[in-house]
Amino acid sequence: MESERSGILSYSGLTGMLKSDPKDEEFKKNSINQFKLLKNKSEREKYKAYYTYNSQTGGQGMVYASFNKISPFNLATNIEILKNFTLLLNSFVFSIFIAWSKRNFGLIPAIAVLFFIAISSWIWLFAASLWWCLWAFYIPFLTMLLSLEFFKSSPVKILLLTFISIFFKCFFNGFEYITTTLIAVYSPIVFYYIKDNKKINDFILFSFKTGVVLIAGVIAEMFILLLQLKYLKGSLLEGIHHILYSYNTRTASVVIEGKTAEISNNIYLQILMKYVSGDAFSWIKPSVPFILLLILIFTTSLFLLKIDFKKHKAIVFTSWFSIIAPLSWFLLFIQHSNVHYHLNFIVWYIPFLPLGVLCFGVLINIFIERFTKSIFV
């Protein structure tokens, strides 16, 4: 709405919302109003002020605004088109992982992953969101996964693609769930280095190079955000201050300007208990807590290792390594996890739960194969 009247780079291209009064800071009321204003162009003229969200570049907003400029339809229709396109992107991203699962483990494991993704309430919640861009969280993970599958002999190409992927992710949805996204990139590295019986020294060296590339991508995007904030606020120092302030309000163990909660001694345990006891499938009654999925995946892993340790160790160890990704957000960004209890369950899916369910699918496939053999023998 803002770019339609003032240009895509209005307010440094940052996302935000219209306000009728520059001094009005009531976020909830104003955010609800945006949906009403979307369908009422004349009413928008009363909302001259604009509140910027300064913690991400807002690349998704720039892309949406560019589409709105060239589209022959009105803004409300364009938003619906973009939502459907976002659903398509999410489907495409998950399809890539499912296809990789079939290529490496067979049809039954791939179907298990497909079924799990299709019935996952938290994926539904985020799937059409123009703000969160769920698909973007998986781009760095999938880039490394496919690069190690097809470009094993070109480490420079892999690292370059990794840099582009993390920069691309941060451009579209900023530093949301950033530790989860970064650690997820290492899951394919663990898988292929175990699968290919690579030396530990090679694993450490490539992991280090990957870390440098990932950090470089994040810093590059952060530099762009600093430039945006400089033009918005008039000072580079103001931008640096805002980034540090944003980080502290999401991670701090002390109260900051009343915007963060006081962290008690057992808050980390409390947070973990919240996120393992949450409802994984909102449409099933009684509810299925995430802890049941963790137990299922753990039990599955033990069976797979017992059946054939050498054959299944790569996917099992990779799955359990990947749990570090969601845990990193829950525990490092403790304030965010404490406040956004209605959202942060999605990090279980980046990429731990899909990998864990893949293990379950592998086990089911083994049982089916053995049962089929017993019938026809």
Protein backbone atom coordinates (compact mmCIF):
# COMPACT_ATOMS: atom_id res chain seq x y z
CA MET A 1 0.00 0.00 0.00
CA GLU A 2 2.83 2.38 0.85
CA SER A 3 4.85 1.62 -2.29
CA GLU A 4 1.76 2.02 -4.46
CA ARG A 5 1.54 5.68 -3.47
CA SER A 6 5.16 6.56 -2.71
CA GLY A 7 7.38 4.14 -4.61
CA ILE A 8 9.01 0.79 -3.88
CA LEU A 9 12.01 2.33 -2.12
CA SER A 10 9.87 4.59 0.03
CA TYR A 11 11.17 4.54 3.64
CA SER A 12 14.34 2.77 2.39
CA GLY A 13 12.20 -0.08 1.04
CA LEU A 14 11.48 -1.34 4.56
CA THR A 15 8.28 -3.19 5.33
CA GLY A 16 5.78 -1.67 7.75
CA MET A 17 2.19 -0.52 8.08
CA LEU A 18 0.09 2.57 7.51
CA LYS A 19 -0.94 4.73 10.46
CA SER A 20 -3.35 7.63 10.74
CA ASP A 21 -1.26 9.31 13.43
CA PRO A 22 2.58 9.37 13.43
CA LYS A 23 2.55 9.11 17.25
CA ASP A 24 0.20 6.11 17.35
CA GLU A 25 2.24 3.10 18.48
CA GLU A 26 -0.63 0.67 19.07
CA PHE A 27 0.74 -2.15 16.94
CA LYS A 28 -2.13 -4.63 17.27
CA LYS A 29 -4.86 -2.19 16.28
CA ASN A 30 -2.87 -0.82 13.36
CA SER A 31 -1.91 -4.28 12.06
CA ILE A 32 -5.57 -5.33 11.98
CA ASN A 33 -6.45 -2.12 10.13
CA GLN A 34 -4.10 -3.03 7.27
CA PHE A 35 -6.50 -5.74 6.06
CA LYS A 36 -9.39 -3.26 6.02
CA LEU A 37 -7.33 -0.68 4.17
CA LEU A 38 -6.24 -3.25 1.60
CA LYS A 39 -9.73 -3.30 0.11
CA ASN A 40 -10.55 0.38 0.60
CA LYS A 41 -8.28 2.68 -1.37
CA SER A 42 -10.12 5.88 -0.44
CA GLU A 43 -9.82 5.06 3.26
CA ARG A 44 -6.07 4.66 2.89
CA GLU A 45 -5.71 8.38 2.15
CA LYS A 46 -6.47 9.10 5.81
CA TYR A 47 -3.45 7.05 6.85
CA LYS A 48 -0.60 9.39 5.94
CA ALA A 49 1.96 8.03 8.45
CA TYR A 50 3.97 4.85 8.02
CA TYR A 51 5.52 2.66 10.71
CA THR A 52 8.62 0.77 9.53
CA TYR A 53 9.79 -2.63 10.72
CA ASN A 54 13.53 -2.09 10.97
CA SER A 55 14.84 -5.58 11.72
CA GLN A 56 14.93 -6.95 8.17
CA THR A 57 15.60 -5.66 4.67
CA GLY A 58 12.05 -6.32 3.52
CA GLY A 59 12.97 -8.00 0.27
CA GLN A 60 9.67 -9.83 0.13
CA GLY A 61 7.85 -6.48 0.27
CA MET A 62 9.96 -5.07 -2.57
CA VAL A 63 9.25 -8.11 -4.73
CA TYR A 64 5.52 -7.98 -3.98
CA ALA A 65 5.43 -4.25 -4.69
CA SER A 66 7.23 -4.77 -8.00
CA PHE A 67 4.67 -7.38 -8.99
CA ASN A 68 1.87 -5.00 -8.00
CA LYS A 69 3.36 -2.33 -10.30
CA ILE A 70 3.26 -4.52 -13.39
CA SER A 71 0.10 -6.50 -12.67
CA PRO A 72 -3.13 -5.41 -14.44
CA PHE A 73 -5.17 -6.34 -11.34
CA ASN A 74 -5.94 -4.28 -8.23
CA LEU A 75 -3.95 -4.56 -5.00
CA ALA A 76 -6.37 -6.88 -3.18
CA THR A 77 -6.39 -9.31 -6.12
CA ASN A 78 -2.61 -9.16 -6.39
CA ILE A 79 -2.27 -10.10 -2.73
CA GLU A 80 -4.37 -13.21 -3.34
CA ILE A 81 -2.27 -14.09 -6.39
CA LEU A 82 0.90 -13.71 -4.33
CA LYS A 83 -0.50 -15.90 -1.56
CA ASN A 84 -1.24 -18.65 -4.04
CA PHE A 85 2.19 -18.25 -5.60
CA THR A 86 3.69 -18.56 -2.10
CA LEU A 87 1.78 -21.80 -1.61
CA LEU A 88 3.20 -23.00 -4.92
CA LEU A 89 6.75 -22.12 -3.84
CA ASN A 90 6.30 -24.02 -0.58
CA SER A 91 4.97 -27.03 -2.48
CA PHE A 92 7.93 -26.86 -4.84
CA VAL A 93 10.48 -26.66 -2.00
CA PHE A 94 8.99 -29.61 -0.12
CA SER A 95 8.71 -31.53 -3.40
CA ILE A 96 12.45 -31.18 -3.89
CA PHE A 97 13.12 -32.76 -0.51
CA ILE A 98 10.58 -35.52 -1.20
CA ALA A 99 12.20 -36.21 -4.58
CA TRP A 100 15.63 -36.39 -2.90
CA SER A 101 14.15 -38.83 -0.36
CA LYS A 102 12.85 -41.06 -3.16
CA ARG A 103 16.15 -40.90 -5.05
CA ASN A 104 18.16 -41.97 -2.01
CA PHE A 105 15.75 -44.14 0.00
CA GLY A 106 12.90 -45.25 -2.24
CA LEU A 107 9.20 -44.62 -2.83
CA ILE A 108 7.75 -45.63 0.56
CA PRO A 109 10.02 -43.30 2.63
CA ALA A 110 9.24 -40.47 0.20
CA ILE A 111 5.50 -41.08 0.58
CA ALA A 112 5.91 -41.04 4.39
CA VAL A 113 7.52 -37.59 4.20
CA LEU A 114 4.88 -36.36 1.76
CA PHE A 115 2.05 -37.56 4.01
CA PHE A 116 3.61 -35.99 7.11
CA ILE A 117 4.10 -32.61 5.44
CA ALA A 118 0.56 -32.70 4.06
CA ILE A 119 -1.02 -33.20 7.50
CA SER A 120 1.25 -30.90 9.53
CA SER A 121 -0.79 -28.07 11.06
CA TRP A 122 2.19 -25.79 11.64
CA ILE A 123 3.20 -26.00 7.99
CA TRP A 124 -0.40 -25.10 7.08
CA LEU A 125 -0.20 -22.07 9.36
CA PHE A 126 2.88 -20.67 7.61
CA ALA A 127 2.30 -21.96 4.09
CA ALA A 128 0.46 -18.96 2.60
CA SER A 129 2.15 -16.28 4.72
CA LEU A 130 3.59 -13.46 2.64
CA TRP A 131 5.57 -12.26 5.63
CA TRP A 132 7.31 -15.44 6.82
CA CYS A 133 8.07 -16.92 3.38
CA LEU A 134 8.37 -20.44 4.81
CA TRP A 135 10.02 -21.72 1.63
CA ALA A 136 12.95 -19.34 2.12
CA PHE A 137 14.03 -21.07 5.36
CA TYR A 138 14.68 -24.25 3.37
CA ILE A 139 16.65 -22.71 0.50
CA PRO A 140 20.12 -22.86 2.17
CA PHE A 141 19.46 -26.41 3.46
CA LEU A 142 18.28 -27.64 0.06
CA THR A 143 21.11 -25.83 -1.73
CA MET A 144 23.69 -27.73 0.31
CA LEU A 145 21.71 -30.98 0.01
CA LEU A 146 21.52 -30.85 -3.79
CA SER A 147 25.02 -29.42 -4.20
CA LEU A 148 26.57 -32.34 -2.32
CA GLU A 149 24.40 -34.71 -4.35
CA PHE A 150 25.42 -33.35 -7.75
CA PHE A 151 28.57 -31.17 -7.35
CA LYS A 152 30.74 -33.19 -4.98
CA SER A 153 33.83 -32.54 -7.07
CA SER A 154 33.31 -28.76 -7.11
CA PRO A 155 33.62 -27.44 -3.53
CA VAL A 156 34.10 -23.86 -4.74
CA LYS A 157 30.80 -24.04 -6.63
CA ILE A 158 29.09 -25.49 -3.53
CA LEU A 159 30.38 -22.71 -1.31
CA LEU A 160 29.39 -20.02 -3.81
CA LEU A 161 25.86 -21.42 -4.06
CA THR A 162 25.69 -21.60 -0.27
CA PHE A 163 26.63 -17.92 0.02
CA ILE A 164 23.96 -16.96 -2.52
CA SER A 165 21.35 -19.11 -0.79
CA ILE A 166 21.82 -17.63 2.69
CA PHE A 167 21.94 -14.10 1.28
CA PHE A 168 18.76 -14.83 -0.67
CA LYS A 169 17.04 -16.19 2.45
CA CYS A 170 17.98 -13.13 4.52
CA PHE A 171 16.90 -10.79 1.74
CA PHE A 172 13.42 -12.33 1.66
CA ASN A 173 12.64 -12.77 5.35
CA GLY A 174 15.53 -11.25 7.22
CA PHE A 175 17.14 -12.91 10.21
CA GLU A 176 14.03 -14.78 11.34
CA TYR A 177 15.02 -18.17 12.81
CA ILE A 178 18.54 -17.50 11.62
CA THR A 179 20.42 -19.98 13.85
CA THR A 180 17.99 -22.72 12.85
CA THR A 181 18.53 -21.94 9.17
CA LEU A 182 22.32 -21.82 9.49
CA ILE A 183 22.64 -25.08 11.44
CA ALA A 184 20.24 -26.81 9.03
CA VAL A 185 22.85 -26.29 6.29
CA TYR A 186 25.19 -28.63 8.15
CA SER A 187 22.75 -31.57 8.11
CA PRO A 188 23.52 -32.49 4.47
CA ILE A 189 27.25 -32.18 5.23
CA VAL A 190 26.92 -34.67 8.09
CA PHE A 191 24.88 -37.02 5.89
CA TYR A 192 27.22 -37.12 2.90
CA TYR A 193 30.43 -37.24 4.88
CA ILE A 194 29.13 -40.26 6.83
CA LYS A 195 27.62 -41.88 3.74
CA ASP A 196 30.80 -41.46 1.67
CA ASN A 197 33.11 -42.43 4.57
CA LYS A 198 35.06 -39.20 4.27
CA LYS A 199 37.93 -38.41 6.63
CA ILE A 200 37.15 -36.38 9.74
CA ASN A 201 39.77 -33.80 8.72
CA ASP A 202 37.95 -33.21 5.42
CA PHE A 203 34.67 -32.87 7.29
CA ILE A 204 36.10 -30.28 9.72
CA LEU A 205 37.77 -28.27 6.95
CA PHE A 206 34.68 -28.16 4.73
CA SER A 207 32.46 -27.35 7.73
CA PHE A 208 34.74 -24.46 8.64
CA LYS A 209 34.67 -23.09 5.08
CA THR A 210 30.89 -23.42 5.04
CA GLY A 211 30.67 -21.50 8.32
CA VAL A 212 32.78 -18.67 6.90
CA VAL A 213 30.58 -18.50 3.80
CA LEU A 214 27.35 -18.52 5.84
CA ILE A 215 28.57 -15.76 8.14
CA ALA A 216 29.72 -13.74 5.13
CA GLY A 217 26.23 -14.03 3.61
CA VAL A 218 24.57 -12.88 6.82
CA ILE A 219 27.00 -9.97 7.20
CA ALA A 220 26.47 -8.92 3.58
CA GLU A 221 22.71 -8.77 4.15
CA MET A 222 23.25 -6.98 7.46
CA PHE A 223 25.33 -4.36 5.65
CA ILE A 224 22.42 -3.70 3.27
CA LEU A 225 20.09 -3.32 6.26
CA LEU A 226 22.54 -0.88 7.85
CA LEU A 227 22.53 1.25 4.69
CA GLN A 228 18.72 1.24 4.68
CA LEU A 229 18.63 2.32 8.32
CA LYS A 230 21.26 4.99 7.63
CA TYR A 231 19.07 6.57 4.93
CA LEU A 232 15.99 6.19 7.12
CA LYS A 233 17.48 7.47 10.39
CA GLY A 234 20.30 9.62 9.03
CA SER A 235 23.12 7.81 10.80
CA LEU A 236 25.00 4.53 10.39
CA LEU A 237 25.46 4.44 14.15
CA GLU A 238 21.69 4.49 14.61
CA GLY A 239 21.45 1.42 12.40
CA ILE A 240 24.12 -0.44 14.37
CA HIS A 241 22.36 0.47 17.61
CA HIS A 242 19.05 -0.85 16.31
CA ILE A 243 20.54 -4.19 15.21
CA LEU A 244 22.20 -4.68 18.60
CA TYR A 245 19.01 -3.66 20.39
CA SER A 246 16.92 -6.08 18.29
CA TYR A 247 19.32 -8.92 19.03
CA ASN A 248 19.32 -8.18 22.76
CA THR A 249 15.53 -8.02 23.06
CA ARG A 250 15.29 -11.50 21.56
CA THR A 251 18.08 -13.11 23.56
CA ALA A 252 18.60 -11.12 26.75
CA SER A 253 18.37 -12.67 30.21
CA VAL A 254 17.49 -9.28 31.73
CA VAL A 255 14.51 -6.98 31.38
CA ILE A 256 14.99 -4.34 28.65
CA GLU A 257 12.65 -1.34 28.72
CA GLY A 258 9.81 -3.56 29.83
CA LYS A 259 9.88 -5.34 26.45
CA THR A 260 11.49 -8.53 27.70
CA ALA A 261 10.65 -10.90 30.52
CA GLU A 262 12.88 -11.60 33.48
CA ILE A 263 14.62 -14.92 32.95
CA SER A 264 14.39 -17.32 35.89
CA ASN A 265 16.94 -20.02 36.67
CA ASN A 266 14.86 -22.80 35.16
CA ILE A 267 13.48 -20.83 32.18
CA TYR A 268 15.41 -22.95 29.67
CA LEU A 269 13.78 -26.10 31.00
CA GLN A 270 10.39 -24.36 30.99
CA ILE A 271 10.83 -23.30 27.37
CA LEU A 272 11.80 -26.81 26.30
CA MET A 273 8.83 -28.30 28.15
CA LYS A 274 6.53 -25.86 26.33
CA TYR A 275 7.88 -26.76 22.93
CA VAL A 276 7.90 -30.53 23.39
CA SER A 277 4.39 -30.58 24.89
CA GLY A 278 2.80 -28.39 22.19
CA ASP A 279 0.16 -29.77 19.81
CA ALA A 280 1.65 -31.09 16.56
CA PHE A 281 -1.68 -31.68 14.79
CA SER A 282 -4.45 -29.22 15.65
CA TRP A 283 -7.10 -31.27 13.84
CA ILE A 284 -6.54 -34.44 15.92
CA LYS A 285 -8.25 -34.91 19.28
CA PRO A 286 -6.85 -35.76 21.75
CA SER A 287 -3.83 -33.68 20.87
CA VAL A 288 -0.52 -35.19 19.76
CA PRO A 289 2.37 -33.46 21.59
CA PHE A 290 5.72 -33.11 19.84
CA ILE A 291 7.33 -35.34 22.47
CA LEU A 292 5.47 -38.32 20.96
CA LEU A 293 7.04 -37.58 17.58
CA LEU A 294 10.46 -37.35 19.23
CA ILE A 295 9.92 -40.72 20.93
CA LEU A 296 8.75 -42.27 17.64
CA ILE A 297 11.80 -40.98 15.78
CA PHE A 298 14.17 -42.08 18.56
CA THR A 299 12.66 -45.59 18.62
CA THR A 300 12.80 -45.76 14.83
CA SER A 301 16.47 -44.76 14.91
CA LEU A 302 17.33 -47.56 17.34
CA PHE A 303 15.60 -50.13 15.12
CA LEU A 304 17.39 -48.91 12.00
CA LEU A 305 20.81 -49.01 13.65
CA LYS A 306 20.14 -52.47 14.99
CA ILE A 307 18.93 -53.79 11.61
CA ASP A 308 21.92 -52.46 9.64
CA PHE A 309 24.16 -49.96 11.39
CA LYS A 310 26.46 -49.35 8.43
CA LYS A 311 23.63 -48.79 5.94
CA HIS A 312 21.44 -46.53 8.07
CA LYS A 313 23.91 -44.63 10.25
CA ALA A 314 24.12 -41.66 7.84
CA ILE A 315 20.41 -40.78 7.88
CA VAL A 316 19.97 -41.62 11.59
CA PHE A 317 22.91 -39.54 12.79
CA THR A 318 21.97 -36.72 10.42
CA SER A 319 18.42 -36.66 11.78
CA TRP A 320 19.61 -36.38 15.35
CA PHE A 321 22.25 -33.83 14.46
CA SER A 322 19.53 -31.71 12.88
CA ILE A 323 17.65 -31.39 16.18
CA ILE A 324 20.34 -28.87 17.16
CA ALA A 325 18.77 -26.47 14.62
CA PRO A 326 15.41 -25.97 16.41
CA LEU A 327 16.97 -26.23 19.86
CA SER A 328 19.37 -23.42 18.99
CA TRP A 329 16.47 -21.03 18.48
CA PHE A 330 14.53 -22.14 21.56
CA LEU A 331 17.54 -21.72 23.84
CA LEU A 332 19.63 -18.93 22.31
CA PHE A 333 16.70 -16.68 21.37
CA ILE A 334 15.03 -17.28 24.69
CA GLN A 335 12.97 -14.07 24.74
CA HIS A 336 11.58 -14.68 21.28
CA SER A 337 10.69 -18.26 22.20
CA ASN A 338 9.04 -17.07 25.40
CA VAL A 339 6.89 -14.45 23.63
CA HIS A 340 6.14 -16.19 20.32
CA TYR A 341 4.85 -19.46 21.70
CA HIS A 342 2.08 -19.28 19.09
CA LEU A 343 4.61 -19.41 16.21
CA ASN A 344 7.95 -20.98 17.02
CA PHE A 345 6.87 -24.62 16.77
CA ILE A 346 7.63 -24.30 13.07
CA VAL A 347 11.37 -24.60 13.77
CA TRP A 348 10.87 -28.29 14.63
CA TYR A 349 10.34 -28.71 10.88
CA ILE A 350 13.60 -27.01 9.82
CA PRO A 351 14.70 -29.69 9.05
CA PHE A 352 14.51 -32.13 12.01
CA LEU A 353 10.99 -33.54 11.70
CA PRO A 354 11.07 -34.18 7.92
CA LEU A 355 14.39 -36.01 8.36
CA GLY A 356 13.06 -37.92 11.36
CA VAL A 357 9.93 -38.97 9.50
CA LEU A 358 12.16 -40.04 6.60
CA CYS A 359 13.82 -42.47 9.04
CA PHE A 360 10.39 -43.77 9.99
CA GLY A 361 9.58 -44.24 6.29
CA VAL A 362 12.81 -46.21 5.81
CA LEU A 363 11.82 -48.52 8.66
CA ILE A 364 8.31 -49.02 7.24
CA ASN A 365 9.88 -49.86 3.89
CA ILE A 366 12.05 -52.53 5.52
CA PHE A 367 9.02 -54.10 7.19
CA ILE A 368 7.07 -54.06 3.91
CA GLU A 369 9.96 -55.67 2.02
CA ARG A 370 10.35 -58.40 4.63
CA PHE A 371 6.62 -59.05 4.77
CA THR A 372 6.44 -59.25 0.97
CA LYS A 373 9.36 -61.69 0.84
CA SER A 374 7.80 -63.89 3.53
CA ILE A 375 4.61 -64.18 1.46
CA PHE A 376 6.26 -65.06 -1.85
CA VAL A 377 9.01 -67.31 -0.50
